[in-house]
PDB file of N, CA and C in Angstrom:
ATOM      1  N   UNK A   1      46.673 123.990 102.017  1.00  0.00           N
ATOM      2  CA  UNK A   1      46.753 123.825 103.461  1.00  0.00           C
ATOM      3  C   UNK A   1      45.374 124.090 104.065  1.00  0.00           C
ATOM      4  N   UNK A   2      44.978 123.280 104.949  1.00  0.00           N
ATOM      5  CA  UNK A   2      43.675 123.384 105.594  1.00  0.00           C
ATOM      6  C   UNK A   2      43.666 124.531 106.597  1.00  0.00           C
ATOM      7  N   UNK A   3      42.523 125.188 106.744  1.00  0.00           N
ATOM      8  CA  UNK A   3      42.433 126.314 107.679  1.00  0.00           C
ATOM      9  C   UNK A   3      42.614 125.877 109.127  1.00  0.00           C
ATOM     10  N   UNK A   4      42.233 124.637 109.432  1.00  0.00           N
ATOM     11  CA  UNK A   4      42.313 124.156 110.799  1.00  0.00           C
ATOM     12  C   UNK A   4      43.733 123.755 111.216  1.00  0.00           C
ATOM     13  N   UNK A   5      44.624 123.569 110.250  1.00  0.00           N
ATOM     14  CA  UNK A   5      45.993 123.173 110.571  1.00  0.00           C
ATOM     15  C   UNK A   5      46.792 124.391 111.009  1.00  0.00           C
ATOM     16  N   UNK A   6      47.525 124.210 112.085  1.00  0.00           N
ATOM     17  CA  UNK A   6      48.398 125.290 112.549  1.00  0.00           C
ATOM     18  C   UNK A   6      49.761 125.157 111.896  1.00  0.00           C
ATOM     19  N   UNK A   7      50.375 126.274 111.631  1.00  0.00           N
ATOM     20  CA  UNK A   7      51.748 126.237 111.149  1.00  0.00           C
ATOM     21  C   UNK A   7      52.658 125.930 112.323  1.00  0.00           C
ATOM     22  N   UNK A   8      53.723 125.180 112.032  1.00  0.00           N
ATOM     23  CA  UNK A   8      54.693 124.894 113.085  1.00  0.00           C
ATOM     24  C   UNK A   8      55.429 126.176 113.446  1.00  0.00           C
ATOM     25  N   UNK A   9      55.650 126.339 114.721  1.00  0.00           N
ATOM     26  CA  UNK A   9      56.397 127.514 115.159  1.00  0.00           C
ATOM     27  C   UNK A   9      57.857 127.347 114.760  1.00  0.00           C
ATOM     28  N   UNK A  10      58.567 128.447 114.561  1.00  0.00           N
ATOM     29  CA  UNK A  10      59.983 128.341 114.194  1.00  0.00           C
ATOM     30  C   UNK A  10      60.808 127.596 115.240  1.00  0.00           C
ATOM     31  N   UNK A  11      60.459 127.740 116.501  1.00  0.00           N
ATOM     32  CA  UNK A  11      61.203 127.050 117.546  1.00  0.00           C
ATOM     33  C   UNK A  11      61.051 125.537 117.415  1.00  0.00           C
ATOM     34  N   UNK A  12      59.847 125.081 117.121  1.00  0.00           N
ATOM     35  CA  UNK A  12      59.612 123.641 116.949  1.00  0.00           C
ATOM     36  C   UNK A  12      60.368 123.126 115.723  1.00  0.00           C
ATOM     37  N   UNK A  13      60.389 123.916 114.665  1.00  0.00           N
ATOM     38  CA  UNK A  13      61.111 123.565 113.442  1.00  0.00           C
ATOM     39  C   UNK A  13      62.598 123.384 113.724  1.00  0.00           C
ATOM     40  N   UNK A  14      63.214 124.346 114.404  1.00  0.00           N
ATOM     41  CA  UNK A  14      64.642 124.267 114.698  1.00  0.00           C
ATOM     42  C   UNK A  14      64.956 123.159 115.691  1.00  0.00           C
ATOM     43  N   UNK A  15      64.073 122.928 116.639  1.00  0.00           N
ATOM     44  CA  UNK A  15      64.292 121.860 117.611  1.00  0.00           C
ATOM     45  C   UNK A  15      64.278 120.494 116.933  1.00  0.00           C
ATOM     46  N   UNK A  16      63.364 120.316 116.004  1.00  0.00           N
ATOM     47  CA  UNK A  16      63.253 119.035 115.304  1.00  0.00           C
ATOM     48  C   UNK A  16      64.524 118.730 114.518  1.00  0.00           C
ATOM     49  N   UNK A  17      64.992 119.680 113.753  1.00  0.00           N
ATOM     50  CA  UNK A  17      66.129 119.425 112.878  1.00  0.00           C
ATOM     51  C   UNK A  17      67.464 119.494 113.607  1.00  0.00           C
ATOM     52  N   UNK A  18      67.554 120.263 114.657  1.00  0.00           N
ATOM     53  CA  UNK A  18      68.808 120.259 115.418  1.00  0.00           C
ATOM     54  C   UNK A  18      68.941 118.967 116.215  1.00  0.00           C
ATOM     55  N   UNK A  19      67.837 118.411 116.693  1.00  0.00           N
ATOM     56  CA  UNK A  19      67.920 117.127 117.387  1.00  0.00           C
ATOM     57  C   UNK A  19      68.267 116.016 116.407  1.00  0.00           C
ATOM     58  N   UNK A  20      67.781 116.100 115.176  1.00  0.00           N
ATOM     59  CA  UNK A  20      68.136 115.125 114.151  1.00  0.00           C
ATOM     60  C   UNK A  20      69.629 115.196 113.848  1.00  0.00           C
ATOM     61  N   UNK A  21      70.167 116.410 113.734  1.00  0.00           N
ATOM     62  CA  UNK A  21      71.599 116.573 113.481  1.00  0.00           C
ATOM     63  C   UNK A  21      72.428 116.059 114.652  1.00  0.00           C
ATOM     64  N   UNK A  22      71.993 116.322 115.865  1.00  0.00           N
ATOM     65  CA  UNK A  22      72.711 115.834 117.041  1.00  0.00           C
ATOM     66  C   UNK A  22      72.721 114.310 117.072  1.00  0.00           C
ATOM     67  N   UNK A  23      71.618 113.674 116.731  1.00  0.00           N
ATOM     68  CA  UNK A  23      71.559 112.216 116.709  1.00  0.00           C
ATOM     69  C   UNK A  23      72.480 111.650 115.636  1.00  0.00           C
ATOM     70  N   UNK A  24      72.563 112.310 114.501  1.00  0.00           N
ATOM     71  CA  UNK A  24      73.467 111.856 113.445  1.00  0.00           C
ATOM     72  C   UNK A  24      74.922 111.971 113.891  1.00  0.00           C
ATOM     73  N   UNK A  25      75.266 113.051 114.583  1.00  0.00           N
ATOM     74  CA  UNK A  25      76.629 113.225 115.091  1.00  0.00           C
ATOM     75  C   UNK A  25      76.972 112.134 116.094  1.00  0.00           C
ATOM     76  N   UNK A  26      76.025 111.795 116.963  1.00  0.00           N
ATOM     77  CA  UNK A  26      76.257 110.748 117.957  1.00  0.00           C
ATOM     78  C   UNK A  26      76.496 109.397 117.276  1.00  0.00           C
ATOM     79  N   UNK A  27      75.740 109.093 116.224  1.00  0.00           N
ATOM     80  CA  UNK A  27      75.922 107.839 115.494  1.00  0.00           C
ATOM     81  C   UNK A  27      77.323 107.768 114.891  1.00  0.00           C
ATOM     82  N   UNK A  28      77.765 108.850 114.272  1.00  0.00           N
ATOM     83  CA  UNK A  28      79.084 108.869 113.637  1.00  0.00           C
ATOM     84  C   UNK A  28      80.193 108.760 114.681  1.00  0.00           C
ATOM     85  N   UNK A  29      80.065 109.495 115.780  1.00  0.00           N
ATOM     86  CA  UNK A  29      81.083 109.414 116.835  1.00  0.00           C
ATOM     87  C   UNK A  29      81.133 108.038 117.479  1.00  0.00           C
ATOM     88  N   UNK A  30      79.976 107.402 117.633  1.00  0.00           N
ATOM     89  CA  UNK A  30      79.955 106.049 118.197  1.00  0.00           C
ATOM     90  C   UNK A  30      80.693 105.075 117.290  1.00  0.00           C
ATOM     91  N   UNK A  31      80.514 105.201 115.987  1.00  0.00           N
ATOM     92  CA  UNK A  31      81.239 104.346 115.052  1.00  0.00           C
ATOM     93  C   UNK A  31      82.737 104.595 115.091  1.00  0.00           C
ATOM     94  N   UNK A  32      83.132 105.862 115.145  1.00  0.00           N
ATOM     95  CA  UNK A  32      84.561 106.196 115.152  1.00  0.00           C
ATOM     96  C   UNK A  32      85.241 105.730 116.438  1.00  0.00           C
ATOM     97  N   UNK A  33      84.641 106.043 117.578  1.00  0.00           N
ATOM     98  CA  UNK A  33      85.262 105.644 118.842  1.00  0.00           C
ATOM     99  C   UNK A  33      85.184 104.141 119.067  1.00  0.00           C
ATOM    100  N   UNK A  34      84.103 103.517 118.624  1.00  0.00           N
ATOM    101  CA  UNK A  34      84.003 102.061 118.730  1.00  0.00           C
ATOM    102  C   UNK A  34      85.064 101.369 117.895  1.00  0.00           C
ATOM    103  N   UNK A  35      85.262 101.860 116.683  1.00  0.00           N
ATOM    104  CA  UNK A  35      86.312 101.298 115.826  1.00  0.00           C
ATOM    105  C   UNK A  35      87.697 101.504 116.398  1.00  0.00           C
ATOM    106  N   UNK A  36      87.914 102.667 116.998  1.00  0.00           N
ATOM    107  CA  UNK A  36      89.220 102.937 117.601  1.00  0.00           C
ATOM    108  C   UNK A  36      89.501 101.992 118.765  1.00  0.00           C
ATOM    109  N   UNK A  37      88.493 101.763 119.581  1.00  0.00           N
ATOM    110  CA  UNK A  37      88.676 100.857 120.727  1.00  0.00           C
ATOM    111  C   UNK A  37      88.892  99.415 120.257  1.00  0.00           C
ATOM    112  N   UNK A  38      88.186  99.004 119.223  1.00  0.00           N
ATOM    113  CA  UNK A  38      88.397  97.660 118.690  1.00  0.00           C
ATOM    114  C   UNK A  38      89.789  97.512 118.089  1.00  0.00           C
ATOM    115  N   UNK A  39      90.272  98.558 117.421  1.00  0.00           N
ATOM    116  CA  UNK A  39      91.634  98.517 116.880  1.00  0.00           C
ATOM    117  C   UNK A  39      92.677  98.447 117.987  1.00  0.00           C
ATOM    118  N   UNK A  40      92.443  99.126 119.093  1.00  0.00           N
ATOM    119  CA  UNK A  40      93.360  99.028 120.236  1.00  0.00           C
ATOM    120  C   UNK A  40      93.362  97.609 120.796  1.00  0.00           C
ATOM    121  N   UNK A  41      92.190  96.994 120.837  1.00  0.00           N
ATOM    122  CA  UNK A  41      92.066  95.648 121.373  1.00  0.00           C
ATOM    123  C   UNK A  41      92.776  94.626 120.484  1.00  0.00           C
ATOM    124  N   UNK A  42      92.653  94.768 119.181  1.00  0.00           N
ATOM    125  CA  UNK A  42      93.261  93.829 118.239  1.00  0.00           C
ATOM    126  C   UNK A  42      94.741  94.137 118.016  1.00  0.00           C
ATOM    127  N   UNK A  43      95.136  95.386 118.185  1.00  0.00           N
ATOM    128  CA  UNK A  43      96.525  95.844 118.037  1.00  0.00           C
ATOM    129  C   UNK A  43      97.068  95.690 116.618  1.00  0.00           C
ATOM    130  N   UNK A  44      96.263  96.119 115.645  1.00  0.00           N
ATOM    131  CA  UNK A  44      96.744  96.139 114.269  1.00  0.00           C
ATOM    132  C   UNK A  44      97.519  97.420 114.020  1.00  0.00           C
ATOM    133  N   UNK A  45      98.424  97.364 113.019  1.00  0.00           N
ATOM    134  CA  UNK A  45      99.210  98.554 112.674  1.00  0.00           C
ATOM    135  C   UNK A  45      98.332  99.638 112.052  1.00  0.00           C
ATOM    136  N   UNK A  46      97.526  99.238 111.071  1.00  0.00           N
ATOM    137  CA  UNK A  46      96.645 100.190 110.390  1.00  0.00           C
ATOM    138  C   UNK A  46      95.250 100.102 111.008  1.00  0.00           C
ATOM    139  N   UNK A  47      94.614 101.226 111.290  1.00  0.00           N
ATOM    140  CA  UNK A  47      93.302 101.214 111.968  1.00  0.00           C
ATOM    141  C   UNK A  47      92.143 100.842 111.027  1.00  0.00           C
ATOM    142  N   UNK A  48      92.095  99.589 110.632  1.00  0.00           N
ATOM    143  CA  UNK A  48      91.099  99.115 109.674  1.00  0.00           C
ATOM    144  C   UNK A  48      89.680  99.281 110.224  1.00  0.00           C
ATOM    145  N   UNK A  49      89.459  98.839 111.433  1.00  0.00           N
ATOM    146  CA  UNK A  49      88.107  98.880 111.990  1.00  0.00           C
ATOM    147  C   UNK A  49      87.633 100.315 112.238  1.00  0.00           C
ATOM    148  N   UNK A  50      88.544 101.209 112.548  1.00  0.00           N
ATOM    149  CA  UNK A  50      88.166 102.614 112.722  1.00  0.00           C
ATOM    150  C   UNK A  50      87.640 103.174 111.401  1.00  0.00           C
ATOM    151  N   UNK A  51      88.350 102.898 110.334  1.00  0.00           N
ATOM    152  CA  UNK A  51      87.937 103.395 109.015  1.00  0.00           C
ATOM    153  C   UNK A  51      86.616 102.767 108.586  1.00  0.00           C
ATOM    154  N   UNK A  52      86.512 101.454 108.714  1.00  0.00           N
ATOM    155  CA  UNK A  52      85.309 100.750 108.266  1.00  0.00           C
ATOM    156  C   UNK A  52      84.089 101.168 109.085  1.00  0.00           C
ATOM    157  N   UNK A  53      84.225 101.175 110.401  1.00  0.00           N
ATOM    158  CA  UNK A  53      83.078 101.524 111.235  1.00  0.00           C
ATOM    159  C   UNK A  53      82.687 102.999 111.098  1.00  0.00           C
ATOM    160  N   UNK A  54      83.650 103.858 110.856  1.00  0.00           N
ATOM    161  CA  UNK A  54      83.320 105.273 110.642  1.00  0.00           C
ATOM    162  C   UNK A  54      82.546 105.458 109.339  1.00  0.00           C
ATOM    163  N   UNK A  55      82.984 104.774 108.292  1.00  0.00           N
ATOM    164  CA  UNK A  55      82.271 104.868 107.007  1.00  0.00           C
ATOM    165  C   UNK A  55      80.869 104.290 107.132  1.00  0.00           C
ATOM    166  N   UNK A  56      80.745 103.149 107.797  1.00  0.00           N
ATOM    167  CA  UNK A  56      79.417 102.562 107.999  1.00  0.00           C
ATOM    168  C   UNK A  56      78.521 103.467 108.851  1.00  0.00           C
ATOM    169  N   UNK A  57      79.115 104.117 109.833  1.00  0.00           N
ATOM    170  CA  UNK A  57      78.339 105.025 110.680  1.00  0.00           C
ATOM    171  C   UNK A  57      77.875 106.256 109.891  1.00  0.00           C
ATOM    172  N   UNK A  58      78.704 106.758 109.007  1.00  0.00           N
ATOM    173  CA  UNK A  58      78.313 107.900 108.178  1.00  0.00           C
ATOM    174  C   UNK A  58      77.169 107.506 107.243  1.00  0.00           C
ATOM    175  N   UNK A  59      77.272 106.338 106.647  1.00  0.00           N
ATOM    176  CA  UNK A  59      76.192 105.863 105.764  1.00  0.00           C
ATOM    177  C   UNK A  59      74.912 105.662 106.573  1.00  0.00           C
ATOM    178  N   UNK A  60      75.039 105.035 107.728  1.00  0.00           N
ATOM    179  CA  UNK A  60      73.866 104.814 108.572  1.00  0.00           C
ATOM    180  C   UNK A  60      73.241 106.107 109.056  1.00  0.00           C
ATOM    181  N   UNK A  61      74.063 107.073 109.443  1.00  0.00           N
ATOM    182  CA  UNK A  61      73.546 108.358 109.898  1.00  0.00           C
ATOM    183  C   UNK A  61      72.870 109.112 108.761  1.00  0.00           C
ATOM    184  N   UNK A  62      73.404 108.984 107.557  1.00  0.00           N
ATOM    185  CA  UNK A  62      72.790 109.634 106.399  1.00  0.00           C
ATOM    186  C   UNK A  62      71.419 109.034 106.108  1.00  0.00           C
ATOM    187  N   UNK A  63      71.332 107.711 106.157  1.00  0.00           N
ATOM    188  CA  UNK A  63      70.042 107.060 105.939  1.00  0.00           C
ATOM    189  C   UNK A  63      69.064 107.454 107.038  1.00  0.00           C
ATOM    190  N   UNK A  64      69.537 107.455 108.274  1.00  0.00           N
ATOM    191  CA  UNK A  64      68.696 107.855 109.396  1.00  0.00           C
ATOM    192  C   UNK A  64      68.200 109.297 109.234  1.00  0.00           C
ATOM    193  N   UNK A  65      69.100 110.177 108.816  1.00  0.00           N
ATOM    194  CA  UNK A  65      68.737 111.582 108.618  1.00  0.00           C
ATOM    195  C   UNK A  65      67.744 111.774 107.492  1.00  0.00           C
ATOM    196  N   UNK A  66      67.934 111.050 106.402  1.00  0.00           N
ATOM    197  CA  UNK A  66      67.010 111.170 105.278  1.00  0.00           C
ATOM    198  C   UNK A  66      65.622 110.657 105.654  1.00  0.00           C
ATOM    199  N   UNK A  67      65.582 109.578 106.412  1.00  0.00           N
ATOM    200  CA  UNK A  67      64.279 109.061 106.862  1.00  0.00           C
ATOM    201  C   UNK A  67      63.602 110.086 107.787  1.00  0.00           C
ATOM    202  N   UNK A  68      64.391 110.747 108.609  1.00  0.00           N
ATOM    203  CA  UNK A  68      63.823 111.758 109.501  1.00  0.00           C
ATOM    204  C   UNK A  68      63.346 113.003 108.770  1.00  0.00           C
ATOM    205  N   UNK A  69      64.054 113.367 107.706  1.00  0.00           N
ATOM    206  CA  UNK A  69      63.655 114.543 106.938  1.00  0.00           C
ATOM    207  C   UNK A  69      62.383 114.316 106.133  1.00  0.00           C
ATOM    208  N   UNK A  70      62.234 113.128 105.585  1.00  0.00           N
ATOM    209  CA  UNK A  70      61.108 112.870 104.694  1.00  0.00           C
ATOM    210  C   UNK A  70      59.933 112.180 105.379  1.00  0.00           C
ATOM    211  N   UNK A  71      60.029 111.995 106.689  1.00  0.00           N
ATOM    212  CA  UNK A  71      58.926 111.354 107.424  1.00  0.00           C
ATOM    213  C   UNK A  71      57.748 112.327 107.473  1.00  0.00           C
ATOM    214  N   UNK A  72      56.586 111.805 107.237  1.00  0.00           N
ATOM    215  CA  UNK A  72      55.369 112.615 107.269  1.00  0.00           C
ATOM    216  C   UNK A  72      54.845 112.637 108.707  1.00  0.00           C
ATOM    217  N   UNK A  73      54.755 113.811 109.293  1.00  0.00           N
ATOM    218  CA  UNK A  73      54.200 113.940 110.629  1.00  0.00           C
ATOM    219  C   UNK A  73      52.679 113.946 110.532  1.00  0.00           C
ATOM    220  N   UNK A  74      52.062 113.133 111.361  1.00  0.00           N
ATOM    221  CA  UNK A  74      50.597 113.027 111.316  1.00  0.00           C
ATOM    222  C   UNK A  74      49.967 113.761 112.450  1.00  0.00           C
TER     223      UNK A  74
END
């Protein structure tokens, strides 16, 4: 580590990762509620779109989170 580089403060560290977690939660909830509303609109017996969109949202949020964790800050 270079002498001129400052260490990140603990508050900045927690803010970065808690905002990442909040964004992931929003992505998953958007998929779940969007799928639920689409299922209400189509009026199917089994909530197919809720399940599919929730799974896709979880995968997308995981990819988004991993990209955020491994991104190099310049």
